[in-house]
Amino acid sequence: MKPLLLLMLFLVTIATTPAQTKRQLVQHQLVDVQKIHPRIVIDLRYATTNNFMKKAVYPSARCLLQKPVAERLARVQARLEKDGLGLKIFDAYRPLSAQWELWNIVPNPTFVADPRKGSKHNRGAAVDVTLVDSLGNELEMPTQYDEFVRAARSTYDKLPKHILANRATLHNAMKAEGFIPNPSEWWHFDDKDWKKFPILDVAFDAVPE
C-alpha cells in the first residue's frame, strides 16, 4: 500500500468527529480551573512560546481539568493559602493531538508519554504545578519547568536545603489531597483516580465557558 494512503487511513482512524466530541463532553466534564478556584495562578506554557518546543502547541490558554480533579486541586490551594502560598499551573488537560506534537520532538517515555498509550494529561487528570508566594512569585525549585535533567527527579537530593524544603512543601500538600507525584518530574502530579477518565482529544473551545 502506498505511504500516502497509509497516512490518510491513519488520520481517519485517530480523528475525533464532532459527534464523538459531544459524547465525550456529556460523559466527561472538563471545567475551567479558575472557575473552581480563581486564585490559582495559570501560566499554561504550551499556549505560549515559553516551552521546550519554542512554539505554541495549544490554540488557547484555558486551563481545563476533569471537575473532580479541579475540585481536589482547589483543596490543595486552600491548604497552601493557610501558609501564605499558592499554586501556579504550567499544564493541565492536553488534547491527544497535542501529545503527538510533543512526542515527535521528545520521543522519550521518561519525560513525554507515548501518545499511542495516552497520557494522564490527555485524560484531564494530571497537572504540572509549582508554588508561588502571596504575591504570585515562584518559589525556587530544583529545576526550571520541563527541564529534562537528573535534578528534575522527585527524589534527587543534591540540592540546597531551602529548595528541598520548597519541593517537600509542594509534594506534601499535593499528596495530602490525593495527588501522586511523578518520579521523573518534580512538577508533575496525577490524580489518584486517573483511571476513571478516558483519553480525550476535545478541543479547548469545545468546552463550554
C-alpha atoms as a PDB file:
ATOM      1  CA  MET A   1       0.000   0.000   0.000  1.00  0.00           C
ATOM      2  CA  LYS A   2       1.311   3.476  -0.871  1.00  0.00           C
ATOM      3  CA  PRO A   3       2.676   5.621   2.049  1.00  0.00           C
ATOM      4  CA  LEU A   4       0.252   8.487   1.337  1.00  0.00           C
ATOM      5  CA  LEU A   5      -2.744   6.164   1.505  1.00  0.00           C
ATOM      6  CA  LEU A   6      -1.479   4.651   4.768  1.00  0.00           C
ATOM      7  CA  LEU A   7      -1.142   8.136   6.264  1.00  0.00           C
ATOM      8  CA  MET A   8      -4.682   9.060   5.209  1.00  0.00           C
ATOM      9  CA  LEU A   9      -6.083   5.884   6.748  1.00  0.00           C
ATOM     10  CA  PHE A  10      -4.198   6.593   9.983  1.00  0.00           C
ATOM     11  CA  LEU A  11      -5.525  10.146  10.214  1.00  0.00           C
ATOM     12  CA  VAL A  12      -9.075   8.963   9.635  1.00  0.00           C
ATOM     13  CA  THR A  13      -8.660   6.341  12.363  1.00  0.00           C
ATOM     14  CA  ILE A  14      -7.463   8.772  15.057  1.00  0.00           C
ATOM     15  CA  ALA A  15      -9.691  11.702  14.106  1.00  0.00           C
ATOM     16  CA  THR A  16     -12.308  12.781  16.622  1.00  0.00           C
ATOM     17  CA  THR A  17     -15.641  13.574  14.973  1.00  0.00           C
ATOM     18  CA  PRO A  18     -17.950  16.320  16.283  1.00  0.00           C
ATOM     19  CA  ALA A  19     -20.361  13.611  17.461  1.00  0.00           C
ATOM     20  CA  GLN A  20     -17.581  11.882  19.393  1.00  0.00           C
ATOM     21  CA  THR A  21     -16.523  15.191  20.910  1.00  0.00           C
ATOM     22  CA  LYS A  22     -20.091  15.872  22.051  1.00  0.00           C
ATOM     23  CA  ARG A  23     -20.358  12.434  23.660  1.00  0.00           C
ATOM     24  CA  GLN A  24     -17.044  12.958  25.452  1.00  0.00           C
ATOM     25  CA  LEU A  25     -18.252  16.282  26.853  1.00  0.00           C
ATOM     26  CA  VAL A  26     -21.511  14.791  28.078  1.00  0.00           C
ATOM     27  CA  GLN A  27     -19.825  11.876  29.819  1.00  0.00           C
ATOM     28  CA  HIS A  28     -16.625  13.566  30.979  1.00  0.00           C
ATOM     29  CA  GLN A  29     -16.939  17.101  32.273  1.00  0.00           C
ATOM     30  CA  LEU A  30     -13.895  19.220  31.653  1.00  0.00           C
ATOM     31  CA  VAL A  31     -14.064  22.504  33.567  1.00  0.00           C
ATOM     32  CA  ASP A  32     -12.069  25.711  33.716  1.00  0.00           C
ATOM     33  CA  VAL A  33      -9.847  25.524  36.815  1.00  0.00           C
ATOM     34  CA  GLN A  34     -10.130  29.228  37.615  1.00  0.00           C
ATOM     35  CA  LYS A  35     -13.909  28.911  37.785  1.00  0.00           C
ATOM     36  CA  ILE A  36     -13.398  26.332  40.513  1.00  0.00           C
ATOM     37  CA  HIS A  37     -10.743  28.401  42.322  1.00  0.00           C
ATOM     38  CA  PRO A  38      -9.920  31.834  40.834  1.00  0.00           C
ATOM     39  CA  ARG A  39      -6.810  32.422  42.972  1.00  0.00           C
ATOM     40  CA  ILE A  40      -4.858  29.574  41.380  1.00  0.00           C
ATOM     41  CA  VAL A  41      -2.299  31.191  39.058  1.00  0.00           C
ATOM     42  CA  ILE A  42      -2.312  29.985  35.450  1.00  0.00           C
ATOM     43  CA  ASP A  43       0.782  30.021  33.235  1.00  0.00           C
ATOM     44  CA  LEU A  44      -0.129  27.498  30.552  1.00  0.00           C
ATOM     45  CA  ARG A  45       3.263  27.177  28.882  1.00  0.00           C
ATOM     46  CA  TYR A  46       2.156  25.223  25.820  1.00  0.00           C
ATOM     47  CA  ALA A  47      -0.176  28.064  24.883  1.00  0.00           C
ATOM     48  CA  THR A  48       2.955  30.272  24.573  1.00  0.00           C
ATOM     49  CA  THR A  49       6.429  30.045  23.050  1.00  0.00           C
ATOM     50  CA  ASN A  50       7.950  29.714  26.548  1.00  0.00           C
ATOM     51  CA  ASN A  51       8.390  25.932  26.425  1.00  0.00           C
ATOM     52  CA  PHE A  52      10.902  23.378  25.158  1.00  0.00           C
ATOM     53  CA  MET A  53       9.135  23.297  21.770  1.00  0.00           C
ATOM     54  CA  LYS A  54       9.712  27.058  21.388  1.00  0.00           C
ATOM     55  CA  LYS A  55       6.260  27.386  19.837  1.00  0.00           C
ATOM     56  CA  ALA A  56       2.626  27.492  20.918  1.00  0.00           C
ATOM     57  CA  VAL A  57       1.129  24.000  20.872  1.00  0.00           C
ATOM     58  CA  TYR A  58      -2.271  24.944  22.307  1.00  0.00           C
ATOM     59  CA  PRO A  59      -4.531  27.431  20.494  1.00  0.00           C
ATOM     60  CA  SER A  60      -5.952  28.593  23.833  1.00  0.00           C
ATOM     61  CA  ALA A  61      -4.640  29.349  27.320  1.00  0.00           C
ATOM     62  CA  ARG A  62      -7.687  27.830  29.019  1.00  0.00           C
ATOM     63  CA  CYS A  63      -6.666  25.610  31.915  1.00  0.00           C
ATOM     64  CA  LEU A  64      -9.030  22.626  31.938  1.00  0.00           C
ATOM     65  CA  LEU A  65      -9.333  19.555  34.167  1.00  0.00           C
ATOM     66  CA  GLN A  66     -11.931  16.949  34.939  1.00  0.00           C
ATOM     67  CA  LYS A  67     -14.235  18.515  37.543  1.00  0.00           C
ATOM     68  CA  PRO A  68     -13.331  16.142  40.422  1.00  0.00           C
ATOM     69  CA  VAL A  69      -9.637  16.767  39.720  1.00  0.00           C
ATOM     70  CA  ALA A  70     -10.126  20.547  39.670  1.00  0.00           C
ATOM     71  CA  GLU A  71     -12.015  20.363  42.959  1.00  0.00           C
ATOM     72  CA  ARG A  72      -9.212  18.324  44.509  1.00  0.00           C
ATOM     73  CA  LEU A  73      -6.695  20.909  43.307  1.00  0.00           C
ATOM     74  CA  ALA A  74      -8.796  23.682  44.865  1.00  0.00           C
ATOM     75  CA  ARG A  75      -8.434  21.911  48.207  1.00  0.00           C
ATOM     76  CA  VAL A  76      -4.653  21.926  47.749  1.00  0.00           C
ATOM     77  CA  GLN A  77      -4.807  25.673  47.092  1.00  0.00           C
ATOM     78  CA  ALA A  78      -6.875  26.237  50.243  1.00  0.00           C
ATOM     79  CA  ARG A  79      -4.386  24.192  52.260  1.00  0.00           C
ATOM     80  CA  LEU A  80      -1.418  26.196  50.942  1.00  0.00           C
ATOM     81  CA  GLU A  81      -3.100  29.566  51.445  1.00  0.00           C
ATOM     82  CA  LYS A  82      -3.060  28.967  55.207  1.00  0.00           C
ATOM     83  CA  ASP A  83       0.732  29.361  54.941  1.00  0.00           C
ATOM     84  CA  GLY A  84       0.655  32.303  52.550  1.00  0.00           C
ATOM     85  CA  LEU A  85       1.375  30.159  49.498  1.00  0.00           C
ATOM     86  CA  GLY A  86      -0.474  29.037  46.403  1.00  0.00           C
ATOM     87  CA  LEU A  87      -0.277  27.075  43.174  1.00  0.00           C
ATOM     88  CA  LYS A  88       0.790  28.020  39.678  1.00  0.00           C
ATOM     89  CA  ILE A  89      -0.258  25.634  36.902  1.00  0.00           C
ATOM     90  CA  PHE A  90       2.032  25.095  33.912  1.00  0.00           C
ATOM     91  CA  ASP A  91      -0.056  22.391  32.247  1.00  0.00           C
ATOM     92  CA  ALA A  92      -3.313  20.535  32.810  1.00  0.00           C
ATOM     93  CA  TYR A  93      -5.627  18.911  30.231  1.00  0.00           C
ATOM     94  CA  ARG A  94      -3.765  18.233  26.989  1.00  0.00           C
ATOM     95  CA  PRO A  95      -5.618  17.052  23.856  1.00  0.00           C
ATOM     96  CA  LEU A  96      -4.230  13.842  22.368  1.00  0.00           C
ATOM     97  CA  SER A  97      -3.381  15.650  19.132  1.00  0.00           C
ATOM     98  CA  ALA A  98      -1.060  17.949  21.133  1.00  0.00           C
ATOM     99  CA  GLN A  99       0.513  14.878  22.765  1.00  0.00           C
ATOM    100  CA  TRP A 100       1.616  13.739  19.323  1.00  0.00           C
ATOM    101  CA  GLU A 101       3.323  17.096  18.714  1.00  0.00           C
ATOM    102  CA  LEU A 102       5.350  16.772  21.936  1.00  0.00           C
ATOM    103  CA  TRP A 103       6.221  13.132  21.242  1.00  0.00           C
ATOM    104  CA  ASN A 104       7.521  13.959  17.767  1.00  0.00           C
ATOM    105  CA  ILE A 105      10.100  16.258  19.381  1.00  0.00           C
ATOM    106  CA  VAL A 106      10.892  14.234  22.539  1.00  0.00           C
ATOM    107  CA  PRO A 107      10.064  10.539  21.884  1.00  0.00           C
ATOM    108  CA  ASN A 108      11.261   9.576  25.369  1.00  0.00           C
ATOM    109  CA  PRO A 109       8.625   7.998  27.650  1.00  0.00           C
ATOM    110  CA  THR A 110      10.585   9.077  30.742  1.00  0.00           C
ATOM    111  CA  PHE A 111       9.550  12.661  30.046  1.00  0.00           C
ATOM    112  CA  VAL A 112       6.764  12.560  27.434  1.00  0.00           C
ATOM    113  CA  ALA A 113       4.042   9.903  27.449  1.00  0.00           C
ATOM    114  CA  ASP A 114       3.754   7.807  24.302  1.00  0.00           C
ATOM    115  CA  PRO A 115       0.567   9.061  22.574  1.00  0.00           C
ATOM    116  CA  ARG A 116      -0.183   5.524  21.392  1.00  0.00           C
ATOM    117  CA  LYS A 117      -0.819   4.717  25.065  1.00  0.00           C
ATOM    118  CA  GLY A 118      -2.050   8.161  26.065  1.00  0.00           C
ATOM    119  CA  SER A 119      -1.087  10.475  28.880  1.00  0.00           C
ATOM    120  CA  LYS A 120      -2.812  11.270  32.153  1.00  0.00           C
ATOM    121  CA  HIS A 121      -2.777  14.850  30.873  1.00  0.00           C
ATOM    122  CA  ASN A 122      -4.885  13.607  27.936  1.00  0.00           C
ATOM    123  CA  ARG A 123      -7.437  12.403  30.483  1.00  0.00           C
ATOM    124  CA  GLY A 124      -7.645  15.787  32.222  1.00  0.00           C
ATOM    125  CA  ALA A 125      -6.332  14.014  35.322  1.00  0.00           C
ATOM    126  CA  ALA A 126      -2.797  15.387  35.679  1.00  0.00           C
ATOM    127  CA  VAL A 127      -1.291  18.768  36.457  1.00  0.00           C
ATOM    128  CA  ASP A 128       2.141  20.363  36.240  1.00  0.00           C
ATOM    129  CA  VAL A 129       2.449  22.844  39.099  1.00  0.00           C
ATOM    130  CA  THR A 130       4.788  24.842  41.284  1.00  0.00           C
ATOM    131  CA  LEU A 131       4.495  27.038  44.372  1.00  0.00           C
ATOM    132  CA  VAL A 132       4.062  30.804  44.490  1.00  0.00           C
ATOM    133  CA  ASP A 133       4.089  33.231  47.391  1.00  0.00           C
ATOM    134  CA  SER A 134       1.232  35.568  48.267  1.00  0.00           C
ATOM    135  CA  LEU A 135       2.358  37.998  45.545  1.00  0.00           C
ATOM    136  CA  GLY A 136       2.459  35.320  42.859  1.00  0.00           C
ATOM    137  CA  ASN A 137       6.238  34.960  42.798  1.00  0.00           C
ATOM    138  CA  GLU A 138       7.516  31.454  42.146  1.00  0.00           C
ATOM    139  CA  LEU A 139       9.440  29.746  44.925  1.00  0.00           C
ATOM    140  CA  GLU A 140      12.809  28.294  43.948  1.00  0.00           C
ATOM    141  CA  MET A 141      12.580  24.667  42.860  1.00  0.00           C
ATOM    142  CA  PRO A 142      15.169  22.046  41.768  1.00  0.00           C
ATOM    143  CA  THR A 143      14.970  22.978  38.073  1.00  0.00           C
ATOM    144  CA  GLN A 144      13.011  25.056  35.641  1.00  0.00           C
ATOM    145  CA  TYR A 145       9.763  23.596  34.338  1.00  0.00           C
ATOM    146  CA  ASP A 146      10.240  20.899  31.676  1.00  0.00           C
ATOM    147  CA  GLU A 147      13.985  20.763  32.179  1.00  0.00           C
ATOM    148  CA  PHE A 148      14.823  17.168  31.310  1.00  0.00           C
ATOM    149  CA  VAL A 149      17.757  16.542  33.654  1.00  0.00           C
ATOM    150  CA  ARG A 150      18.510  14.314  36.679  1.00  0.00           C
ATOM    151  CA  ALA A 151      17.817  17.138  39.115  1.00  0.00           C
ATOM    152  CA  ALA A 152      14.191  17.162  37.942  1.00  0.00           C
ATOM    153  CA  ARG A 153      13.595  13.779  39.573  1.00  0.00           C
ATOM    154  CA  SER A 154      11.329  13.922  42.606  1.00  0.00           C
ATOM    155  CA  THR A 155      13.886  12.114  44.795  1.00  0.00           C
ATOM    156  CA  TYR A 156      17.010  13.985  43.695  1.00  0.00           C
ATOM    157  CA  ASP A 157      18.610  15.274  46.903  1.00  0.00           C
ATOM    158  CA  LYS A 158      21.864  17.018  45.916  1.00  0.00           C
ATOM    159  CA  LEU A 159      20.212  20.415  46.334  1.00  0.00           C
ATOM    160  CA  PRO A 160      20.264  23.342  48.787  1.00  0.00           C
ATOM    161  CA  LYS A 161      18.099  22.835  51.870  1.00  0.00           C
ATOM    162  CA  HIS A 162      15.643  25.605  51.027  1.00  0.00           C
ATOM    163  CA  ILE A 163      14.960  24.085  47.595  1.00  0.00           C
ATOM    164  CA  LEU A 164      14.420  20.645  49.105  1.00  0.00           C
ATOM    165  CA  ALA A 165      12.053  22.257  51.611  1.00  0.00           C
ATOM    166  CA  ASN A 166      10.085  24.013  48.859  1.00  0.00           C
ATOM    167  CA  ARG A 167       9.723  20.784  46.891  1.00  0.00           C
ATOM    168  CA  ALA A 168       8.657  18.936  50.040  1.00  0.00           C
ATOM    169  CA  THR A 169       6.020  21.584  50.809  1.00  0.00           C
ATOM    170  CA  LEU A 170       4.549  21.221  47.314  1.00  0.00           C
ATOM    171  CA  HIS A 171       4.639  17.429  47.327  1.00  0.00           C
ATOM    172  CA  ASN A 172       3.189  17.115  50.818  1.00  0.00           C
ATOM    173  CA  ALA A 173       0.291  19.441  50.028  1.00  0.00           C
ATOM    174  CA  MET A 174      -0.495  17.623  46.785  1.00  0.00           C
ATOM    175  CA  LYS A 175      -0.229  14.153  48.332  1.00  0.00           C
ATOM    176  CA  ALA A 176      -2.445  15.196  51.245  1.00  0.00           C
ATOM    177  CA  GLU A 177      -5.308  15.745  48.786  1.00  0.00           C
ATOM    178  CA  GLY A 178      -4.770  12.565  46.777  1.00  0.00           C
ATOM    179  CA  PHE A 179      -2.324  13.524  44.032  1.00  0.00           C
ATOM    180  CA  ILE A 180       0.553  11.192  43.125  1.00  0.00           C
ATOM    181  CA  PRO A 181       3.981  12.698  42.311  1.00  0.00           C
ATOM    182  CA  ASN A 182       5.729  11.656  39.115  1.00  0.00           C
ATOM    183  CA  PRO A 183       9.188  10.195  39.912  1.00  0.00           C
ATOM    184  CA  SER A 184      10.816  11.818  36.870  1.00  0.00           C
ATOM    185  CA  GLU A 185       9.401  15.345  37.225  1.00  0.00           C
ATOM    186  CA  TRP A 186       9.043  17.264  40.500  1.00  0.00           C
ATOM    187  CA  TRP A 187       6.270  19.401  38.942  1.00  0.00           C
ATOM    188  CA  HIS A 188       4.011  16.603  37.639  1.00  0.00           C
ATOM    189  CA  PHE A 189       1.162  15.092  39.692  1.00  0.00           C
ATOM    190  CA  ASP A 190      -1.510  12.565  38.759  1.00  0.00           C
ATOM    191  CA  ASP A 191      -4.960  12.389  40.296  1.00  0.00           C
ATOM    192  CA  LYS A 192      -5.288   9.150  42.257  1.00  0.00           C
ATOM    193  CA  ASP A 193      -8.451   8.293  40.288  1.00  0.00           C
ATOM    194  CA  TRP A 194      -6.976   8.968  36.848  1.00  0.00           C
ATOM    195  CA  LYS A 195      -8.005   5.527  35.556  1.00  0.00           C
ATOM    196  CA  LYS A 196     -11.660   6.578  35.779  1.00  0.00           C
ATOM    197  CA  PHE A 197     -11.181   9.108  32.988  1.00  0.00           C
ATOM    198  CA  PRO A 198     -10.707   8.229  29.290  1.00  0.00           C
ATOM    199  CA  ILE A 199      -8.166   9.651  26.881  1.00  0.00           C
ATOM    200  CA  LEU A 200      -9.658  12.701  25.169  1.00  0.00           C
ATOM    201  CA  ASP A 201      -8.984  14.835  22.126  1.00  0.00           C
ATOM    202  CA  VAL A 202     -11.568  17.508  22.857  1.00  0.00           C
ATOM    203  CA  ALA A 203     -10.657  20.976  21.562  1.00  0.00           C
ATOM    204  CA  PHE A 204     -10.313  23.734  24.176  1.00  0.00           C
ATOM    205  CA  ASP A 205     -13.010  25.856  22.558  1.00  0.00           C
ATOM    206  CA  ALA A 206     -15.429  22.885  22.539  1.00  0.00           C
ATOM    207  CA  VAL A 207     -15.679  23.093  26.334  1.00  0.00           C
ATOM    208  CA  PRO A 208     -18.462  25.461  27.471  1.00  0.00           C
ATOM    209  CA  GLU A 209     -17.334  28.713  29.055  1.00  0.00           C
END
